[in-house]
């Protein structure tokens, strides 16, 4: 695979390539946007939709990003 514009797939010292780190950052930002959407749906009394999205969010964090689950935004403390 050719490298463009001087970019490389070198390790960043954590065992991940720069490209993998960019994908991880994009996924993290997408999850933050999903959090906002879930909060909005809860605020507009669409709890069932928000709850399902929150379950999907938890699955993405745990299985794909290998991060611990966070409390669901739809859970009440």
PDB file of N, CA and C in Angstrom:
ATOM      1  N   UNK A   1       0.846  -1.159   0.000  1.00  0.00           N
ATOM      2  CA  UNK A   1       0.000   0.000   0.000  1.00  0.00           C
ATOM      3  C   UNK A   1       0.901   1.234   0.000  1.00  0.00           C
ATOM      4  N   UNK A   2       0.606   2.184  -0.847  1.00  0.00           N
ATOM      5  CA  UNK A   2       1.418   3.390  -0.939  1.00  0.00           C
ATOM      6  C   UNK A   2       1.011   4.392   0.126  1.00  0.00           C
ATOM      7  N   UNK A   3       2.003   5.094   0.630  1.00  0.00           N
ATOM      8  CA  UNK A   3       1.737   6.137   1.613  1.00  0.00           C
ATOM      9  C   UNK A   3       1.570   7.459   0.876  1.00  0.00           C
ATOM     10  N   UNK A   4       0.637   8.276   1.351  1.00  0.00           N
ATOM     11  CA  UNK A   4       0.394   9.551   0.695  1.00  0.00           C
ATOM     12  C   UNK A   4       0.710  10.697   1.633  1.00  0.00           C
ATOM     13  N   UNK A   5       1.180  11.802   1.073  1.00  0.00           N
ATOM     14  CA  UNK A   5       1.419  13.044   1.799  1.00  0.00           C
ATOM     15  C   UNK A   5       2.303  12.850   3.031  1.00  0.00           C
ATOM     16  N   UNK A   6       3.261  11.960   2.948  1.00  0.00           N
ATOM     17  CA  UNK A   6       4.187  11.795   4.048  1.00  0.00           C
ATOM     18  C   UNK A   6       3.613  11.077   5.253  1.00  0.00           C
ATOM     19  N   UNK A   7       2.393  10.568   5.157  1.00  0.00           N
ATOM     20  CA  UNK A   7       1.795   9.856   6.287  1.00  0.00           C
ATOM     21  C   UNK A   7       2.391   8.466   6.371  1.00  0.00           C
ATOM     22  N   UNK A   8       2.471   7.944   7.562  1.00  0.00           N
ATOM     23  CA  UNK A   8       3.015   6.606   7.738  1.00  0.00           C
ATOM     24  C   UNK A   8       2.147   5.833   8.704  1.00  0.00           C
ATOM     25  N   UNK A   9       2.366   4.564   8.736  1.00  0.00           N
ATOM     26  CA  UNK A   9       1.651   3.689   9.654  1.00  0.00           C
ATOM     27  C   UNK A   9       2.569   3.279  10.796  1.00  0.00           C
ATOM     28  N   UNK A  10       3.478   4.171  11.160  1.00  0.00           N
ATOM     29  CA  UNK A  10       4.421   3.863  12.219  1.00  0.00           C
ATOM     30  C   UNK A  10       3.707   3.769  13.552  1.00  0.00           C
ATOM     31  N   UNK A  11       4.299   3.007  14.433  1.00  0.00           N
ATOM     32  CA  UNK A  11       3.743   2.869  15.773  1.00  0.00           C
ATOM     33  C   UNK A  11       3.888   4.176  16.530  1.00  0.00           C
ATOM     34  N   UNK A  12       2.892   4.476  17.373  1.00  0.00           N
ATOM     35  CA  UNK A  12       2.924   5.702  18.163  1.00  0.00           C
ATOM     36  C   UNK A  12       3.501   5.465  19.549  1.00  0.00           C
ATOM     37  N   UNK A  13       4.133   4.339  19.760  1.00  0.00           N
ATOM     38  CA  UNK A  13       4.710   4.036  21.059  1.00  0.00           C
ATOM     39  C   UNK A  13       3.786   3.208  21.938  1.00  0.00           C
ATOM     40  N   UNK A  14       2.531   3.105  21.574  1.00  0.00           N
ATOM     41  CA  UNK A  14       1.565   2.311  22.328  1.00  0.00           C
ATOM     42  C   UNK A  14       1.215   1.030  21.583  1.00  0.00           C
ATOM     43  N   UNK A  15       1.940   0.755  20.509  1.00  0.00           N
ATOM     44  CA  UNK A  15       1.675  -0.449  19.745  1.00  0.00           C
ATOM     45  C   UNK A  15       0.588  -0.258  18.695  1.00  0.00           C
ATOM     46  N   UNK A  16       0.117   0.969  18.527  1.00  0.00           N
ATOM     47  CA  UNK A  16      -0.911   1.242  17.521  1.00  0.00           C
ATOM     48  C   UNK A  16      -0.331   2.159  16.455  1.00  0.00           C
ATOM     49  N   UNK A  17      -0.786   1.982  15.245  1.00  0.00           N
ATOM     50  CA  UNK A  17      -0.339   2.868  14.186  1.00  0.00           C
ATOM     51  C   UNK A  17      -1.069   4.192  14.287  1.00  0.00           C
ATOM     52  N   UNK A  18      -0.524   5.200  13.627  1.00  0.00           N
ATOM     53  CA  UNK A  18      -1.167   6.510  13.605  1.00  0.00           C
ATOM     54  C   UNK A  18      -2.549   6.408  12.977  1.00  0.00           C
ATOM     55  N   UNK A  19      -2.672   5.595  11.943  1.00  0.00           N
ATOM     56  CA  UNK A  19      -3.959   5.430  11.273  1.00  0.00           C
ATOM     57  C   UNK A  19      -4.980   4.797  12.219  1.00  0.00           C
ATOM     58  N   UNK A  20      -4.574   3.800  12.953  1.00  0.00           N
ATOM     59  CA  UNK A  20      -5.476   3.155  13.909  1.00  0.00           C
ATOM     60  C   UNK A  20      -5.903   4.145  14.977  1.00  0.00           C
ATOM     61  N   UNK A  21      -4.993   5.007  15.398  1.00  0.00           N
ATOM     62  CA  UNK A  21      -5.318   6.015  16.410  1.00  0.00           C
ATOM     63  C   UNK A  21      -6.334   7.019  15.873  1.00  0.00           C
ATOM     64  N   UNK A  22      -6.211   7.387  14.599  1.00  0.00           N
ATOM     65  CA  UNK A  22      -7.189   8.297  13.996  1.00  0.00           C
ATOM     66  C   UNK A  22      -8.573   7.653  13.953  1.00  0.00           C
ATOM     67  N   UNK A  23      -8.646   6.373  13.599  1.00  0.00           N
ATOM     68  CA  UNK A  23      -9.929   5.665  13.583  1.00  0.00           C
ATOM     69  C   UNK A  23     -10.519   5.585  14.993  1.00  0.00           C
ATOM     70  N   UNK A  24      -9.670   5.341  15.962  1.00  0.00           N
ATOM     71  CA  UNK A  24     -10.141   5.270  17.351  1.00  0.00           C
ATOM     72  C   UNK A  24     -10.699   6.619  17.798  1.00  0.00           C
ATOM     73  N   UNK A  25     -10.007   7.692  17.458  1.00  0.00           N
ATOM     74  CA  UNK A  25     -10.483   9.027  17.806  1.00  0.00           C
ATOM     75  C   UNK A  25     -11.823   9.321  17.130  1.00  0.00           C
ATOM     76  N   UNK A  26     -11.965   8.956  15.868  1.00  0.00           N
ATOM     77  CA  UNK A  26     -13.226   9.164  15.150  1.00  0.00           C
ATOM     78  C   UNK A  26     -14.354   8.360  15.799  1.00  0.00           C
ATOM     79  N   UNK A  27     -14.063   7.136  16.211  1.00  0.00           N
ATOM     80  CA  UNK A  27     -15.079   6.307  16.866  1.00  0.00           C
ATOM     81  C   UNK A  27     -15.481   6.905  18.210  1.00  0.00           C
ATOM     82  N   UNK A  28     -14.504   7.427  18.944  1.00  0.00           N
ATOM     83  CA  UNK A  28     -14.794   8.065  20.231  1.00  0.00           C
ATOM     84  C   UNK A  28     -15.691   9.284  20.034  1.00  0.00           C
ATOM     85  N   UNK A  29     -15.393  10.086  19.042  1.00  0.00           N
ATOM     86  CA  UNK A  29     -16.220  11.262  18.762  1.00  0.00           C
ATOM     87  C   UNK A  29     -17.624  10.867  18.322  1.00  0.00           C
ATOM     88  N   UNK A  30     -17.737   9.796  17.547  1.00  0.00           N
ATOM     89  CA  UNK A  30     -19.058   9.323  17.129  1.00  0.00           C
ATOM     90  C   UNK A  30     -19.871   8.853  18.338  1.00  0.00           C
ATOM     91  N   UNK A  31     -19.224   8.192  19.294  1.00  0.00           N
ATOM     92  CA  UNK A  31     -19.922   7.768  20.505  1.00  0.00           C
ATOM     93  C   UNK A  31     -20.363   8.965  21.344  1.00  0.00           C
ATOM     94  N   UNK A  32     -19.572  10.029  21.345  1.00  0.00           N
ATOM     95  CA  UNK A  32     -19.976  11.236  22.056  1.00  0.00           C
ATOM     96  C   UNK A  32     -21.214  11.857  21.416  1.00  0.00           C
ATOM     97  N   UNK A  33     -21.268  11.846  20.086  1.00  0.00           N
ATOM     98  CA  UNK A  33     -22.458  12.352  19.395  1.00  0.00           C
ATOM     99  C   UNK A  33     -23.669  11.475  19.703  1.00  0.00           C
ATOM    100  N   UNK A  34     -23.441  10.162  19.770  1.00  0.00           N
ATOM    101  CA  UNK A  34     -24.521   9.240  20.112  1.00  0.00           C
ATOM    102  C   UNK A  34     -25.019   9.509  21.532  1.00  0.00           C
ATOM    103  N   UNK A  35     -24.115   9.801  22.445  1.00  0.00           N
ATOM    104  CA  UNK A  35     -24.510  10.163  23.816  1.00  0.00           C
ATOM    105  C   UNK A  35     -25.435  11.370  23.807  1.00  0.00           C
ATOM    106  N   UNK A  36     -25.079  12.379  23.009  1.00  0.00           N
ATOM    107  CA  UNK A  36     -25.916  13.578  22.919  1.00  0.00           C
ATOM    108  C   UNK A  36     -27.309  13.217  22.398  1.00  0.00           C
ATOM    109  N   UNK A  37     -27.354  12.386  21.355  1.00  0.00           N
ATOM    110  CA  UNK A  37     -28.641  11.973  20.771  1.00  0.00           C
ATOM    111  C   UNK A  37     -29.491  11.225  21.794  1.00  0.00           C
ATOM    112  N   UNK A  38     -28.864  10.355  22.558  1.00  0.00           N
ATOM    113  CA  UNK A  38     -29.588   9.598  23.582  1.00  0.00           C
ATOM    114  C   UNK A  38     -30.167  10.559  24.614  1.00  0.00           C
ATOM    115  N   UNK A  39     -29.364  11.510  25.054  1.00  0.00           N
ATOM    116  CA  UNK A  39     -29.852  12.497  26.007  1.00  0.00           C
ATOM    117  C   UNK A  39     -31.018  13.306  25.449  1.00  0.00           C
ATOM    118  N   UNK A  40     -30.920  13.673  24.190  1.00  0.00           N
ATOM    119  CA  UNK A  40     -31.997  14.427  23.546  1.00  0.00           C
ATOM    120  C   UNK A  40     -33.279  13.600  23.505  1.00  0.00           C
ATOM    121  N   UNK A  41     -33.151  12.336  23.138  1.00  0.00           N
ATOM    122  CA  UNK A  41     -34.331  11.468  23.065  1.00  0.00           C
ATOM    123  C   UNK A  41     -34.969  11.284  24.439  1.00  0.00           C
ATOM    124  N   UNK A  42     -34.146  11.162  25.468  1.00  0.00           N
ATOM    125  CA  UNK A  42     -34.688  11.061  26.833  1.00  0.00           C
ATOM    126  C   UNK A  42     -35.443  12.341  27.168  1.00  0.00           C
ATOM    127  N   UNK A  43     -34.865  13.483  26.815  1.00  0.00           N
ATOM    128  CA  UNK A  43     -35.491  14.766  27.097  1.00  0.00           C
ATOM    129  C   UNK A  43     -36.800  14.986  26.360  1.00  0.00           C
ATOM    130  N   UNK A  44     -36.945  14.325  25.221  1.00  0.00           N
ATOM    131  CA  UNK A  44     -38.176  14.460  24.444  1.00  0.00           C
ATOM    132  C   UNK A  44     -39.126  13.281  24.677  1.00  0.00           C
ATOM    133  N   UNK A  45     -38.868  12.566  25.772  1.00  0.00           N
ATOM    134  CA  UNK A  45     -39.719  11.455  26.204  1.00  0.00           C
ATOM    135  C   UNK A  45     -39.811  10.302  25.193  1.00  0.00           C
ATOM    136  N   UNK A  46     -38.702  10.032  24.540  1.00  0.00           N
ATOM    137  CA  UNK A  46     -38.598   8.883  23.624  1.00  0.00           C
ATOM    138  C   UNK A  46     -37.692   7.839  24.280  1.00  0.00           C
ATOM    139  N   UNK A  47     -38.073   7.461  25.508  1.00  0.00           N
ATOM    140  CA  UNK A  47     -37.214   6.609  26.320  1.00  0.00           C
ATOM    141  C   UNK A  47     -36.935   5.246  25.698  1.00  0.00           C
ATOM    142  N   UNK A  48     -37.901   4.664  25.008  1.00  0.00           N
ATOM    143  CA  UNK A  48     -37.682   3.325  24.454  1.00  0.00           C
ATOM    144  C   UNK A  48     -36.629   3.357  23.347  1.00  0.00           C
ATOM    145  N   UNK A  49     -36.655   4.395  22.527  1.00  0.00           N
ATOM    146  CA  UNK A  49     -35.640   4.522  21.475  1.00  0.00           C
ATOM    147  C   UNK A  49     -34.280   4.804  22.109  1.00  0.00           C
ATOM    148  N   UNK A  50     -34.275   5.703  23.099  1.00  0.00           N
ATOM    149  CA  UNK A  50     -33.031   6.044  23.786  1.00  0.00           C
ATOM    150  C   UNK A  50     -32.429   4.822  24.466  1.00  0.00           C
ATOM    151  N   UNK A  51     -33.257   4.002  25.068  1.00  0.00           N
ATOM    152  CA  UNK A  51     -32.763   2.806  25.765  1.00  0.00           C
ATOM    153  C   UNK A  51     -32.106   1.836  24.780  1.00  0.00           C
ATOM    154  N   UNK A  52     -32.706   1.655  23.611  1.00  0.00           N
ATOM    155  CA  UNK A  52     -32.124   0.740  22.629  1.00  0.00           C
ATOM    156  C   UNK A  52     -30.799   1.286  22.100  1.00  0.00           C
ATOM    157  N   UNK A  53     -30.759   2.578  21.828  1.00  0.00           N
ATOM    158  CA  UNK A  53     -29.499   3.179  21.381  1.00  0.00           C
ATOM    159  C   UNK A  53     -28.421   3.076  22.456  1.00  0.00           C
ATOM    160  N   UNK A  54     -28.818   3.218  23.707  1.00  0.00           N
ATOM    161  CA  UNK A  54     -27.863   3.104  24.810  1.00  0.00           C
ATOM    162  C   UNK A  54     -27.302   1.684  24.895  1.00  0.00           C
ATOM    163  N   UNK A  55     -28.125   0.697  24.654  1.00  0.00           N
ATOM    164  CA  UNK A  55     -27.635  -0.693  24.638  1.00  0.00           C
ATOM    165  C   UNK A  55     -26.646  -0.893  23.500  1.00  0.00           C
ATOM    166  N   UNK A  56     -26.964  -0.331  22.339  1.00  0.00           N
ATOM    167  CA  UNK A  56     -26.049  -0.437  21.194  1.00  0.00           C
ATOM    168  C   UNK A  56     -24.720   0.253  21.513  1.00  0.00           C
ATOM    169  N   UNK A  57     -24.794   1.409  22.164  1.00  0.00           N
ATOM    170  CA  UNK A  57     -23.607   2.160  22.556  1.00  0.00           C
ATOM    171  C   UNK A  57     -22.732   1.322  23.494  1.00  0.00           C
ATOM    172  N   UNK A  58     -23.363   0.681  24.460  1.00  0.00           N
ATOM    173  CA  UNK A  58     -22.614  -0.154  25.406  1.00  0.00           C
ATOM    174  C   UNK A  58     -21.920  -1.303  24.680  1.00  0.00           C
ATOM    175  N   UNK A  59     -22.610  -1.905  23.724  1.00  0.00           N
ATOM    176  CA  UNK A  59     -22.021  -3.000  22.949  1.00  0.00           C
ATOM    177  C   UNK A  59     -20.808  -2.506  22.168  1.00  0.00           C
ATOM    178  N   UNK A  60     -20.927  -1.349  21.522  1.00  0.00           N
ATOM    179  CA  UNK A  60     -19.805  -0.802  20.754  1.00  0.00           C
ATOM    180  C   UNK A  60     -18.601  -0.539  21.647  1.00  0.00           C
ATOM    181  N   UNK A  61     -18.829   0.064  22.805  1.00  0.00           N
ATOM    182  CA  UNK A  61     -17.726   0.359  23.720  1.00  0.00           C
ATOM    183  C   UNK A  61     -17.043  -0.914  24.194  1.00  0.00           C
ATOM    184  N   UNK A  62     -17.844  -1.904  24.561  1.00  0.00           N
ATOM    185  CA  UNK A  62     -17.289  -3.118  25.161  1.00  0.00           C
ATOM    186  C   UNK A  62     -16.638  -4.032  24.122  1.00  0.00           C
ATOM    187  N   UNK A  63     -17.355  -4.338  23.065  1.00  0.00           N
ATOM    188  CA  UNK A  63     -16.886  -5.343  22.109  1.00  0.00           C
ATOM    189  C   UNK A  63     -15.926  -4.813  21.052  1.00  0.00           C
ATOM    190  N   UNK A  64     -16.163  -3.593  20.573  1.00  0.00           N
ATOM    191  CA  UNK A  64     -15.353  -3.101  19.469  1.00  0.00           C
ATOM    192  C   UNK A  64     -14.205  -2.212  19.924  1.00  0.00           C
ATOM    193  N   UNK A  65     -14.440  -1.430  20.977  1.00  0.00           N
ATOM    194  CA  UNK A  65     -13.397  -0.514  21.425  1.00  0.00           C
ATOM    195  C   UNK A  65     -12.646  -1.057  22.631  1.00  0.00           C
ATOM    196  N   UNK A  66     -13.098  -2.177  23.189  1.00  0.00           N
ATOM    197  CA  UNK A  66     -12.456  -2.822  24.340  1.00  0.00           C
ATOM    198  C   UNK A  66     -12.318  -1.865  25.517  1.00  0.00           C
ATOM    199  N   UNK A  67     -13.375  -1.104  25.771  1.00  0.00           N
ATOM    200  CA  UNK A  67     -13.419  -0.189  26.904  1.00  0.00           C
ATOM    201  C   UNK A  67     -14.508  -0.651  27.860  1.00  0.00           C
ATOM    202  N   UNK A  68     -14.382  -0.309  29.124  1.00  0.00           N
ATOM    203  CA  UNK A  68     -15.420  -0.713  30.079  1.00  0.00           C
ATOM    204  C   UNK A  68     -16.745  -0.016  29.771  1.00  0.00           C
ATOM    205  N   UNK A  69     -17.810  -0.702  30.113  1.00  0.00           N
ATOM    206  CA  UNK A  69     -19.131  -0.111  29.916  1.00  0.00           C
ATOM    207  C   UNK A  69     -19.304   1.060  30.867  1.00  0.00           C
ATOM    208  N   UNK A  70     -20.009   2.062  30.408  1.00  0.00           N
ATOM    209  CA  UNK A  70     -20.363   3.206  31.242  1.00  0.00           C
ATOM    210  C   UNK A  70     -21.837   3.061  31.591  1.00  0.00           C
ATOM    211  N   UNK A  71     -22.273   3.745  32.627  1.00  0.00           N
ATOM    212  CA  UNK A  71     -23.710   3.697  32.931  1.00  0.00           C
ATOM    213  C   UNK A  71     -24.513   4.203  31.732  1.00  0.00           C
ATOM    214  N   UNK A  72     -25.621   3.570  31.473  1.00  0.00           N
ATOM    215  CA  UNK A  72     -26.456   3.984  30.362  1.00  0.00           C
ATOM    216  C   UNK A  72     -27.065   5.339  30.675  1.00  0.00           C
ATOM    217  N   UNK A  73     -27.116   6.234  29.694  1.00  0.00           N
ATOM    218  CA  UNK A  73     -27.705   7.546  29.934  1.00  0.00           C
ATOM    219  C   UNK A  73     -29.184   7.469  30.333  1.00  0.00           C
ATOM    220  N   UNK A  74     -29.818   6.349  30.048  1.00  0.00           N
ATOM    221  CA  UNK A  74     -31.244   6.198  30.374  1.00  0.00           C
ATOM    222  C   UNK A  74     -31.461   5.666  31.779  1.00  0.00           C
ATOM    223  N   UNK A  75     -30.369   5.254  32.469  1.00  0.00           N
ATOM    224  CA  UNK A  75     -30.506   4.731  33.837  1.00  0.00           C
ATOM    225  C   UNK A  75     -30.650   5.883  34.815  1.00  0.00           C
ATOM    226  N   UNK A  76     -31.509   5.702  35.782  1.00  0.00           N
ATOM    227  CA  UNK A  76     -31.686   6.709  36.820  1.00  0.00           C
ATOM    228  C   UNK A  76     -30.884   6.272  38.045  1.00  0.00           C
ATOM    229  N   UNK A  77     -30.231   7.232  38.676  1.00  0.00           N
ATOM    230  CA  UNK A  77     -29.414   6.907  39.864  1.00  0.00           C
ATOM    231  C   UNK A  77     -30.213   6.978  41.127  1.00  0.00           C
TER     232      UNK A  77
END
